[in-house]
Amino acid sequence: MNRTLGLYIAAALIGLALGGAYAWFTRPAPPPPGEVGAGLGDPRPDFRHGGLGGEWVTAAEFDGQLLLVNFWATWCAPCRREMPVLQDLSEAHAGELAVVGLAIDDLEAVRNFVGELKISYPIAVGNADVMATQRAWGNSAGALPYTVLVDRDGIIRWQHLGEVTREELDEVLAAFL
């Protein structure tokens, strides 16, 4: 093995070790025992995250509206598959339903993906902050995608961990639209 290749391998190993240490020490704390976040019938928690254009996206701005909040990431294959479904839903029920995406991801990756799919509903981006919001909204597992329906009175009416289909969403929304 030549010296240059050895240096590249050593640099890669050091980078992996530093990245692993950073991920370990900066990961969000798990919720305290017995605290799993909001559940069905609970008031929706607040959130405030940065939007794609530098604006704030808050839960409060959707008060009085039927709200579907979707936690997702560009690296999550089921999330990528359900985004067009959520876009279609937001268009089909414009004025009746607000759809909001909260991405646990890199801002540029989200901007590119949202632009590619022509997603028009509000999207906010973060990392540990959005993960903390996800826990507060009842997803203690931290898995993606995760979708929550909040009624016009601000009460959580449906929570779903995993990919959702249009049929599932239509069935759930039928009682609220």
N, C-alpha and C. Protein backbone atom coordinates (compact mmCIF):
# COMPACT_ATOMS: atom_id res chain seq x y z
N MET A 1 0.86 -1.17 0.00
CA MET A 1 0.00 0.00 0.00
C MET A 1 0.90 1.23 0.00
N ASN A 2 0.58 2.17 -0.90
CA ASN A 2 1.46 3.34 -0.93
C ASN A 2 1.07 4.33 0.17
N ARG A 3 1.94 5.24 0.42
CA ARG A 3 1.80 6.18 1.53
C ARG A 3 0.55 7.07 1.38
N THR A 4 0.26 7.53 0.18
CA THR A 4 -0.89 8.40 -0.05
C THR A 4 -2.19 7.68 0.26
N LEU A 5 -2.31 6.45 -0.19
CA LEU A 5 -3.51 5.67 0.09
C LEU A 5 -3.65 5.46 1.60
N GLY A 6 -2.57 5.18 2.26
CA GLY A 6 -2.59 5.00 3.71
C GLY A 6 -3.07 6.26 4.42
N LEU A 7 -2.61 7.43 3.95
CA LEU A 7 -3.05 8.69 4.54
C LEU A 7 -4.55 8.92 4.33
N TYR A 8 -5.04 8.59 3.13
CA TYR A 8 -6.48 8.74 2.86
C TYR A 8 -7.30 7.83 3.77
N ILE A 9 -6.86 6.62 3.94
CA ILE A 9 -7.58 5.68 4.79
C ILE A 9 -7.56 6.16 6.24
N ALA A 10 -6.42 6.63 6.71
CA ALA A 10 -6.32 7.14 8.08
C ALA A 10 -7.23 8.36 8.26
N ALA A 11 -7.25 9.27 7.29
CA ALA A 11 -8.12 10.45 7.37
C ALA A 11 -9.58 10.03 7.40
N ALA A 12 -9.95 9.04 6.59
CA ALA A 12 -11.34 8.56 6.56
C ALA A 12 -11.73 7.95 7.91
N LEU A 13 -10.84 7.16 8.48
CA LEU A 13 -11.13 6.54 9.78
C LEU A 13 -11.26 7.58 10.88
N ILE A 14 -10.40 8.58 10.86
CA ILE A 14 -10.49 9.66 11.85
C ILE A 14 -11.81 10.42 11.67
N GLY A 15 -12.17 10.70 10.41
CA GLY A 15 -13.44 11.38 10.14
C GLY A 15 -14.63 10.58 10.63
N LEU A 16 -14.62 9.28 10.40
CA LEU A 16 -15.71 8.43 10.87
C LEU A 16 -15.79 8.44 12.40
N ALA A 17 -14.63 8.35 13.04
CA ALA A 17 -14.62 8.36 14.50
C ALA A 17 -15.13 9.69 15.05
N LEU A 18 -14.71 10.80 14.46
CA LEU A 18 -15.17 12.11 14.92
C LEU A 18 -16.66 12.29 14.65
N GLY A 19 -17.11 11.85 13.47
CA GLY A 19 -18.53 11.94 13.14
C GLY A 19 -19.38 11.11 14.09
N GLY A 20 -18.91 9.91 14.40
CA GLY A 20 -19.64 9.05 15.34
C GLY A 20 -19.70 9.67 16.73
N ALA A 21 -18.59 10.23 17.16
CA ALA A 21 -18.56 10.88 18.47
C ALA A 21 -19.49 12.09 18.49
N TYR A 22 -19.49 12.88 17.42
CA TYR A 22 -20.38 14.03 17.35
C TYR A 22 -21.84 13.58 17.41
N ALA A 23 -22.20 12.56 16.62
CA ALA A 23 -23.58 12.07 16.61
C ALA A 23 -23.97 11.53 17.99
N TRP A 24 -23.06 10.85 18.64
CA TRP A 24 -23.36 10.28 19.97
C TRP A 24 -23.61 11.37 21.00
N PHE A 25 -22.76 12.38 21.02
CA PHE A 25 -22.85 13.40 22.06
C PHE A 25 -23.87 14.50 21.77
N THR A 26 -24.34 14.62 20.53
CA THR A 26 -25.31 15.67 20.20
C THR A 26 -26.70 15.11 19.95
N ARG A 27 -26.90 13.81 20.11
CA ARG A 27 -28.22 13.24 19.88
C ARG A 27 -29.19 13.77 20.94
N PRO A 28 -30.45 13.94 20.54
CA PRO A 28 -31.41 14.43 21.52
C PRO A 28 -31.64 13.40 22.62
N ALA A 29 -31.90 13.90 23.80
CA ALA A 29 -32.16 13.00 24.93
C ALA A 29 -33.50 12.31 24.74
N PRO A 30 -33.60 11.05 25.13
CA PRO A 30 -34.90 10.39 25.05
C PRO A 30 -35.86 11.03 26.05
N PRO A 31 -37.15 10.89 25.77
CA PRO A 31 -38.10 11.47 26.73
C PRO A 31 -37.97 10.77 28.08
N PRO A 32 -38.28 11.49 29.15
CA PRO A 32 -38.23 10.86 30.47
C PRO A 32 -39.19 9.68 30.54
N PRO A 33 -38.93 8.71 31.40
CA PRO A 33 -39.83 7.55 31.52
C PRO A 33 -41.26 8.00 31.78
N GLY A 34 -42.18 7.38 31.06
CA GLY A 34 -43.58 7.71 31.21
C GLY A 34 -44.03 8.90 30.37
N GLU A 35 -43.09 9.61 29.75
CA GLU A 35 -43.45 10.76 28.92
C GLU A 35 -43.28 10.38 27.46
N VAL A 36 -44.38 10.22 26.76
CA VAL A 36 -44.32 9.80 25.37
C VAL A 36 -44.84 10.88 24.43
N GLY A 37 -45.12 12.03 24.95
CA GLY A 37 -45.63 13.10 24.12
C GLY A 37 -47.14 13.05 24.03
N ALA A 38 -47.67 13.95 23.21
CA ALA A 38 -49.12 14.07 23.07
C ALA A 38 -49.70 12.85 22.39
N GLY A 39 -50.91 12.51 22.79
CA GLY A 39 -51.61 11.37 22.20
C GLY A 39 -52.98 11.79 21.72
N LEU A 40 -53.74 10.81 21.26
CA LEU A 40 -55.09 11.07 20.77
C LEU A 40 -55.91 11.75 21.86
N GLY A 41 -56.60 12.81 21.46
CA GLY A 41 -57.44 13.55 22.41
C GLY A 41 -56.71 14.65 23.16
N ASP A 42 -55.39 14.71 23.00
CA ASP A 42 -54.61 15.77 23.67
C ASP A 42 -54.55 17.02 22.80
N PRO A 43 -54.36 18.18 23.43
CA PRO A 43 -54.13 19.40 22.64
C PRO A 43 -52.81 19.28 21.88
N ARG A 44 -52.77 19.85 20.70
CA ARG A 44 -51.54 19.79 19.92
C ARG A 44 -50.47 20.66 20.57
N PRO A 45 -49.24 20.14 20.63
CA PRO A 45 -48.14 20.96 21.15
C PRO A 45 -47.78 22.08 20.16
N ASP A 46 -47.08 23.06 20.64
CA ASP A 46 -46.60 24.14 19.78
C ASP A 46 -45.33 23.70 19.06
N PHE A 47 -45.00 24.39 18.00
CA PHE A 47 -43.68 24.29 17.37
C PHE A 47 -43.39 25.60 16.67
N ARG A 48 -42.11 25.83 16.46
CA ARG A 48 -41.62 26.99 15.72
C ARG A 48 -40.32 26.57 15.07
N HIS A 49 -40.37 26.43 13.72
CA HIS A 49 -39.18 25.99 12.98
C HIS A 49 -38.98 26.88 11.76
N GLY A 50 -37.75 26.92 11.30
CA GLY A 50 -37.42 27.74 10.14
C GLY A 50 -37.95 27.15 8.85
N GLY A 51 -38.60 28.01 8.06
CA GLY A 51 -39.12 27.60 6.76
C GLY A 51 -38.05 27.69 5.68
N LEU A 52 -38.41 27.29 4.48
CA LEU A 52 -37.45 27.24 3.38
C LEU A 52 -36.96 28.62 2.94
N GLY A 53 -37.77 29.64 3.19
CA GLY A 53 -37.40 31.00 2.79
C GLY A 53 -36.88 31.85 3.93
N GLY A 54 -36.60 31.24 5.07
CA GLY A 54 -36.09 31.97 6.21
C GLY A 54 -37.17 32.44 7.17
N GLU A 55 -38.43 32.23 6.81
CA GLU A 55 -39.54 32.60 7.69
C GLU A 55 -39.73 31.54 8.76
N TRP A 56 -40.49 31.86 9.79
CA TRP A 56 -40.83 30.89 10.82
C TRP A 56 -42.14 30.21 10.44
N VAL A 57 -42.21 28.92 10.68
CA VAL A 57 -43.45 28.17 10.54
C VAL A 57 -43.81 27.73 11.95
N THR A 58 -45.01 28.11 12.40
CA THR A 58 -45.44 27.80 13.76
C THR A 58 -46.75 27.04 13.74
N ALA A 59 -46.98 26.26 14.77
CA ALA A 59 -48.25 25.54 14.90
C ALA A 59 -49.39 26.54 15.07
N ALA A 60 -49.15 27.61 15.80
CA ALA A 60 -50.20 28.58 16.11
C ALA A 60 -50.79 29.24 14.88
N GLU A 61 -50.00 29.35 13.80
CA GLU A 61 -50.54 30.01 12.61
C GLU A 61 -51.63 29.18 11.94
N PHE A 62 -51.82 27.94 12.37
CA PHE A 62 -52.85 27.07 11.80
C PHE A 62 -54.02 26.86 12.76
N ASP A 63 -54.04 27.64 13.85
CA ASP A 63 -55.15 27.53 14.81
C ASP A 63 -56.48 27.75 14.09
N GLY A 64 -57.47 26.94 14.44
CA GLY A 64 -58.79 27.04 13.83
C GLY A 64 -58.93 26.30 12.52
N GLN A 65 -57.84 25.68 12.05
CA GLN A 65 -57.87 24.93 10.79
C GLN A 65 -57.67 23.45 11.06
N LEU A 66 -58.21 22.62 10.19
CA LEU A 66 -57.88 21.20 10.21
C LEU A 66 -56.45 21.10 9.71
N LEU A 67 -55.59 20.45 10.46
CA LEU A 67 -54.14 20.48 10.20
C LEU A 67 -53.57 19.07 10.12
N LEU A 68 -52.84 18.80 9.05
CA LEU A 68 -52.12 17.54 8.90
C LEU A 68 -50.63 17.86 8.92
N VAL A 69 -49.93 17.37 9.95
CA VAL A 69 -48.50 17.62 10.11
C VAL A 69 -47.76 16.33 9.77
N ASN A 70 -46.79 16.45 8.86
CA ASN A 70 -46.03 15.29 8.40
C ASN A 70 -44.54 15.51 8.71
N PHE A 71 -43.97 14.61 9.50
CA PHE A 71 -42.53 14.62 9.80
C PHE A 71 -41.86 13.71 8.78
N TRP A 72 -40.79 14.20 8.14
CA TRP A 72 -40.19 13.46 7.03
C TRP A 72 -38.73 13.86 6.84
N ALA A 73 -38.08 13.20 5.88
CA ALA A 73 -36.70 13.53 5.50
C ALA A 73 -36.48 13.11 4.05
N THR A 74 -35.57 13.79 3.39
CA THR A 74 -35.29 13.46 1.98
C THR A 74 -34.63 12.09 1.84
N TRP A 75 -33.94 11.63 2.87
CA TRP A 75 -33.24 10.34 2.81
C TRP A 75 -34.16 9.17 3.16
N CYS A 76 -35.41 9.45 3.48
CA CYS A 76 -36.38 8.43 3.89
C CYS A 76 -37.25 8.04 2.69
N ALA A 77 -37.06 6.83 2.18
CA ALA A 77 -37.79 6.38 0.97
C ALA A 77 -39.30 6.44 1.12
N PRO A 78 -39.90 5.95 2.23
CA PRO A 78 -41.36 6.07 2.35
C PRO A 78 -41.82 7.53 2.40
N CYS A 79 -41.01 8.39 2.99
CA CYS A 79 -41.34 9.82 3.04
C CYS A 79 -41.40 10.39 1.63
N ARG A 80 -40.43 10.03 0.82
CA ARG A 80 -40.37 10.52 -0.56
C ARG A 80 -41.58 10.05 -1.36
N ARG A 81 -42.02 8.82 -1.10
CA ARG A 81 -43.18 8.29 -1.84
C ARG A 81 -44.48 8.98 -1.43
N GLU A 82 -44.61 9.37 -0.16
CA GLU A 82 -45.88 9.95 0.27
C GLU A 82 -45.99 11.45 0.03
N MET A 83 -44.90 12.12 -0.27
CA MET A 83 -44.95 13.56 -0.51
C MET A 83 -45.91 13.96 -1.64
N PRO A 84 -45.89 13.28 -2.80
CA PRO A 84 -46.87 13.64 -3.84
C PRO A 84 -48.32 13.41 -3.38
N VAL A 85 -48.55 12.41 -2.55
CA VAL A 85 -49.88 12.15 -2.02
C VAL A 85 -50.31 13.33 -1.15
N LEU A 86 -49.42 13.82 -0.30
CA LEU A 86 -49.74 14.95 0.57
C LEU A 86 -49.96 16.22 -0.24
N GLN A 87 -49.17 16.41 -1.31
CA GLN A 87 -49.36 17.57 -2.18
C GLN A 87 -50.73 17.51 -2.84
N ASP A 88 -51.10 16.35 -3.38
CA ASP A 88 -52.43 16.19 -4.01
C ASP A 88 -53.54 16.47 -3.00
N LEU A 89 -53.36 15.96 -1.79
CA LEU A 89 -54.35 16.15 -0.73
C LEU A 89 -54.50 17.64 -0.39
N SER A 90 -53.37 18.35 -0.29
CA SER A 90 -53.42 19.78 0.05
C SER A 90 -54.12 20.57 -1.06
N GLU A 91 -53.95 20.17 -2.30
CA GLU A 91 -54.62 20.84 -3.41
C GLU A 91 -56.10 20.49 -3.45
N ALA A 92 -56.43 19.22 -3.25
CA ALA A 92 -57.82 18.76 -3.31
C ALA A 92 -58.67 19.38 -2.21
N HIS A 93 -58.06 19.69 -1.06
CA HIS A 93 -58.82 20.21 0.08
C HIS A 93 -58.35 21.61 0.48
N ALA A 94 -57.87 22.38 -0.50
CA ALA A 94 -57.42 23.75 -0.23
C ALA A 94 -58.55 24.53 0.44
N GLY A 95 -58.23 25.24 1.49
CA GLY A 95 -59.22 26.00 2.22
C GLY A 95 -59.92 25.21 3.31
N GLU A 96 -59.81 23.89 3.25
CA GLU A 96 -60.42 23.02 4.26
C GLU A 96 -59.39 22.34 5.15
N LEU A 97 -58.19 22.14 4.60
CA LEU A 97 -57.14 21.39 5.27
C LEU A 97 -55.80 22.07 5.04
N ALA A 98 -55.05 22.28 6.11
CA ALA A 98 -53.69 22.79 6.00
C ALA A 98 -52.74 21.61 6.17
N VAL A 99 -51.83 21.45 5.24
CA VAL A 99 -50.80 20.42 5.33
C VAL A 99 -49.47 21.12 5.58
N VAL A 100 -48.70 20.61 6.54
CA VAL A 100 -47.40 21.17 6.89
C VAL A 100 -46.40 20.04 6.97
N GLY A 101 -45.24 20.22 6.36
CA GLY A 101 -44.16 19.24 6.44
C GLY A 101 -43.05 19.75 7.35
N LEU A 102 -42.62 18.92 8.27
CA LEU A 102 -41.48 19.24 9.14
C LEU A 102 -40.37 18.25 8.83
N ALA A 103 -39.33 18.74 8.16
CA ALA A 103 -38.24 17.88 7.69
C ALA A 103 -37.10 17.84 8.70
N ILE A 104 -36.63 16.63 8.95
CA ILE A 104 -35.44 16.42 9.77
C ILE A 104 -34.32 16.19 8.78
N ASP A 105 -33.65 17.29 8.39
CA ASP A 105 -32.79 17.18 7.22
C ASP A 105 -31.94 18.43 7.05
N ASP A 106 -31.22 18.46 5.95
CA ASP A 106 -30.40 19.59 5.54
C ASP A 106 -31.25 20.54 4.70
N LEU A 107 -31.15 21.84 4.95
CA LEU A 107 -31.96 22.83 4.27
C LEU A 107 -31.85 22.74 2.75
N GLU A 108 -30.66 22.65 2.22
CA GLU A 108 -30.49 22.61 0.75
C GLU A 108 -31.08 21.34 0.15
N ALA A 109 -30.90 20.21 0.82
CA ALA A 109 -31.47 18.96 0.31
C ALA A 109 -32.99 19.07 0.26
N VAL A 110 -33.58 19.67 1.28
CA VAL A 110 -35.04 19.84 1.32
C VAL A 110 -35.49 20.80 0.23
N ARG A 111 -34.80 21.93 0.10
CA ARG A 111 -35.16 22.90 -0.96
C ARG A 111 -35.15 22.23 -2.33
N ASN A 112 -34.11 21.48 -2.61
CA ASN A 112 -34.00 20.82 -3.91
C ASN A 112 -35.12 19.81 -4.12
N PHE A 113 -35.38 19.00 -3.12
CA PHE A 113 -36.41 17.96 -3.23
C PHE A 113 -37.79 18.58 -3.39
N VAL A 114 -38.10 19.57 -2.58
CA VAL A 114 -39.41 20.24 -2.64
C VAL A 114 -39.59 20.93 -4.00
N GLY A 115 -38.54 21.53 -4.51
CA GLY A 115 -38.60 22.15 -5.82
C GLY A 115 -38.82 21.14 -6.93
N GLU A 116 -38.13 20.03 -6.82
CA GLU A 116 -38.25 18.96 -7.82
C GLU A 116 -39.68 18.42 -7.88
N LEU A 117 -40.31 18.24 -6.71
CA LEU A 117 -41.67 17.69 -6.66
C LEU A 117 -42.74 18.77 -6.73
N LYS A 118 -42.32 20.05 -6.74
CA LYS A 118 -43.26 21.17 -6.78
C LYS A 118 -44.25 21.13 -5.61
N ILE A 119 -43.70 20.92 -4.42
CA ILE A 119 -44.51 20.91 -3.20
C ILE A 119 -44.82 22.36 -2.84
N SER A 120 -46.09 22.66 -2.63
CA SER A 120 -46.47 24.06 -2.36
C SER A 120 -46.94 24.30 -0.93
N TYR A 121 -47.17 23.25 -0.16
CA TYR A 121 -47.58 23.48 1.22
C TYR A 121 -46.37 23.85 2.07
N PRO A 122 -46.59 24.48 3.22
CA PRO A 122 -45.46 24.95 4.04
C PRO A 122 -44.55 23.81 4.51
N ILE A 123 -43.27 24.07 4.41
CA ILE A 123 -42.24 23.12 4.85
C ILE A 123 -41.29 23.85 5.79
N ALA A 124 -40.98 23.24 6.92
CA ALA A 124 -39.97 23.75 7.83
C ALA A 124 -38.89 22.69 7.97
N VAL A 125 -37.70 23.12 8.32
CA VAL A 125 -36.54 22.22 8.37
C VAL A 125 -35.78 22.41 9.67
N GLY A 126 -35.29 21.32 10.20
CA GLY A 126 -34.45 21.36 11.39
C GLY A 126 -33.83 20.01 11.61
N ASN A 127 -33.20 19.84 12.72
CA ASN A 127 -32.62 18.55 13.08
C ASN A 127 -33.06 18.18 14.48
N ALA A 128 -32.24 18.44 15.48
CA ALA A 128 -32.60 18.08 16.85
C ALA A 128 -33.88 18.78 17.29
N ASP A 129 -34.10 20.01 16.82
CA ASP A 129 -35.31 20.73 17.20
C ASP A 129 -36.56 20.08 16.63
N VAL A 130 -36.51 19.64 15.38
CA VAL A 130 -37.68 18.97 14.78
C VAL A 130 -37.85 17.58 15.40
N MET A 131 -36.75 16.91 15.74
CA MET A 131 -36.88 15.62 16.43
C MET A 131 -37.55 15.79 17.78
N ALA A 132 -37.23 16.87 18.49
CA ALA A 132 -37.87 17.14 19.78
C ALA A 132 -39.36 17.42 19.58
N THR A 133 -39.70 18.15 18.53
CA THR A 133 -41.11 18.41 18.22
C THR A 133 -41.83 17.10 17.91
N GLN A 134 -41.17 16.24 17.14
CA GLN A 134 -41.76 14.95 16.79
C GLN A 134 -42.08 14.14 18.05
N ARG A 135 -41.17 14.13 19.01
CA ARG A 135 -41.42 13.44 20.28
C ARG A 135 -42.59 14.07 21.02
N ALA A 136 -42.62 15.40 21.05
CA ALA A 136 -43.70 16.10 21.74
C ALA A 136 -45.06 15.80 21.10
N TRP A 137 -45.04 15.52 19.80
CA TRP A 137 -46.27 15.22 19.06
C TRP A 137 -46.61 13.72 19.11
N GLY A 138 -45.90 12.96 19.94
CA GLY A 138 -46.28 11.57 20.21
C GLY A 138 -45.44 10.50 19.57
N ASN A 139 -44.37 10.86 18.88
CA ASN A 139 -43.53 9.85 18.23
C ASN A 139 -42.26 9.64 19.04
N SER A 140 -42.36 8.85 20.11
CA SER A 140 -41.19 8.61 20.95
C SER A 140 -40.18 7.71 20.27
N ALA A 141 -40.61 6.96 19.24
CA ALA A 141 -39.69 6.08 18.51
C ALA A 141 -38.74 6.87 17.63
N GLY A 142 -39.17 8.04 17.19
CA GLY A 142 -38.33 8.87 16.33
C GLY A 142 -38.24 8.37 14.90
N ALA A 143 -39.06 7.41 14.52
CA ALA A 143 -39.03 6.86 13.16
C ALA A 143 -39.79 7.78 12.20
N LEU A 144 -39.49 7.64 10.93
CA LEU A 144 -40.13 8.43 9.88
C LEU A 144 -40.71 7.51 8.82
N PRO A 145 -41.71 8.00 8.12
CA PRO A 145 -42.48 9.22 8.32
C PRO A 145 -43.46 9.07 9.47
N TYR A 146 -43.93 10.21 9.94
CA TYR A 146 -44.88 10.26 11.04
C TYR A 146 -45.85 11.38 10.75
N THR A 147 -47.15 11.09 10.80
CA THR A 147 -48.17 12.04 10.40
C THR A 147 -49.22 12.17 11.49
N VAL A 148 -49.65 13.41 11.74
CA VAL A 148 -50.61 13.70 12.81
C VAL A 148 -51.71 14.60 12.25
N LEU A 149 -52.96 14.27 12.59
CA LEU A 149 -54.10 15.11 12.22
C LEU A 149 -54.60 15.82 13.46
N VAL A 150 -54.76 17.15 13.34
CA VAL A 150 -55.25 17.99 14.43
C VAL A 150 -56.56 18.63 13.96
N ASP A 151 -57.60 18.53 14.78
CA ASP A 151 -58.88 19.11 14.39
C ASP A 151 -58.88 20.63 14.55
N ARG A 152 -59.97 21.26 14.18
CA ARG A 152 -60.07 22.73 14.20
C ARG A 152 -60.00 23.31 15.61
N ASP A 153 -60.23 22.47 16.60
CA ASP A 153 -60.14 22.91 18.00
C ASP A 153 -58.75 22.69 18.58
N GLY A 154 -57.80 22.21 17.76
CA GLY A 154 -56.43 22.00 18.23
C GLY A 154 -56.21 20.69 18.96
N ILE A 155 -57.11 19.71 18.74
CA ILE A 155 -57.01 18.42 19.42
C ILE A 155 -56.48 17.37 18.43
N ILE A 156 -55.53 16.57 18.89
CA ILE A 156 -54.97 15.50 18.06
C ILE A 156 -56.02 14.42 17.88
N ARG A 157 -56.34 14.10 16.62
CA ARG A 157 -57.37 13.12 16.31
C ARG A 157 -56.84 11.85 15.65
N TRP A 158 -55.61 11.90 15.13
CA TRP A 158 -55.06 10.72 14.44
C TRP A 158 -53.54 10.86 14.41
N GLN A 159 -52.85 9.75 14.68
CA GLN A 159 -51.39 9.69 14.60
C GLN A 159 -51.03 8.43 13.84
N HIS A 160 -50.07 8.56 12.92
CA HIS A 160 -49.70 7.42 12.09
C HIS A 160 -48.19 7.37 11.91
N LEU A 161 -47.59 6.27 12.32
CA LEU A 161 -46.16 6.06 12.12
C LEU A 161 -46.00 5.17 10.90
N GLY A 162 -45.27 5.65 9.90
CA GLY A 162 -45.07 4.90 8.67
C GLY A 162 -45.72 5.61 7.50
N GLU A 163 -45.49 5.06 6.33
CA GLU A 163 -46.02 5.65 5.10
C GLU A 163 -47.55 5.60 5.08
N VAL A 164 -48.16 6.68 4.64
CA VAL A 164 -49.62 6.73 4.51
C VAL A 164 -50.00 6.72 3.03
N THR A 165 -51.17 6.18 2.76
CA THR A 165 -51.68 6.16 1.39
C THR A 165 -52.81 7.18 1.27
N ARG A 166 -53.16 7.51 0.07
CA ARG A 166 -54.27 8.44 -0.16
C ARG A 166 -55.57 7.85 0.39
N GLU A 167 -55.74 6.55 0.23
CA GLU A 167 -56.96 5.90 0.72
C GLU A 167 -57.07 6.02 2.24
N GLU A 168 -55.96 5.77 2.95
CA GLU A 168 -55.96 5.90 4.41
C GLU A 168 -56.30 7.33 4.83
N LEU A 169 -55.69 8.29 4.16
CA LEU A 169 -55.92 9.69 4.51
C LEU A 169 -57.36 10.10 4.20
N ASP A 170 -57.89 9.67 3.05
CA ASP A 170 -59.26 10.00 2.71
C ASP A 170 -60.23 9.45 3.75
N GLU A 171 -59.96 8.24 4.20
CA GLU A 171 -60.84 7.60 5.21
C GLU A 171 -60.80 8.39 6.53
N VAL A 172 -59.61 8.77 6.97
CA VAL A 172 -59.46 9.50 8.23
C VAL A 172 -60.08 10.89 8.12
N LEU A 173 -59.83 11.55 7.00
CA LEU A 173 -60.30 12.93 6.83
C LEU A 173 -61.81 13.03 6.64
N ALA A 174 -62.44 11.98 6.18
CA ALA A 174 -63.87 12.00 5.90
C ALA A 174 -64.69 12.49 7.10
N ALA A 175 -64.28 12.15 8.29
CA ALA A 175 -65.02 12.57 9.49
C ALA A 175 -64.82 14.03 9.85
N PHE A 176 -63.83 14.69 9.24
CA PHE A 176 -63.48 16.05 9.65
C PHE A 176 -63.68 17.10 8.57
N LEU A 177 -63.79 16.69 7.33
CA LEU A 177 -63.95 17.66 6.23
C LEU A 177 -65.42 18.02 6.01
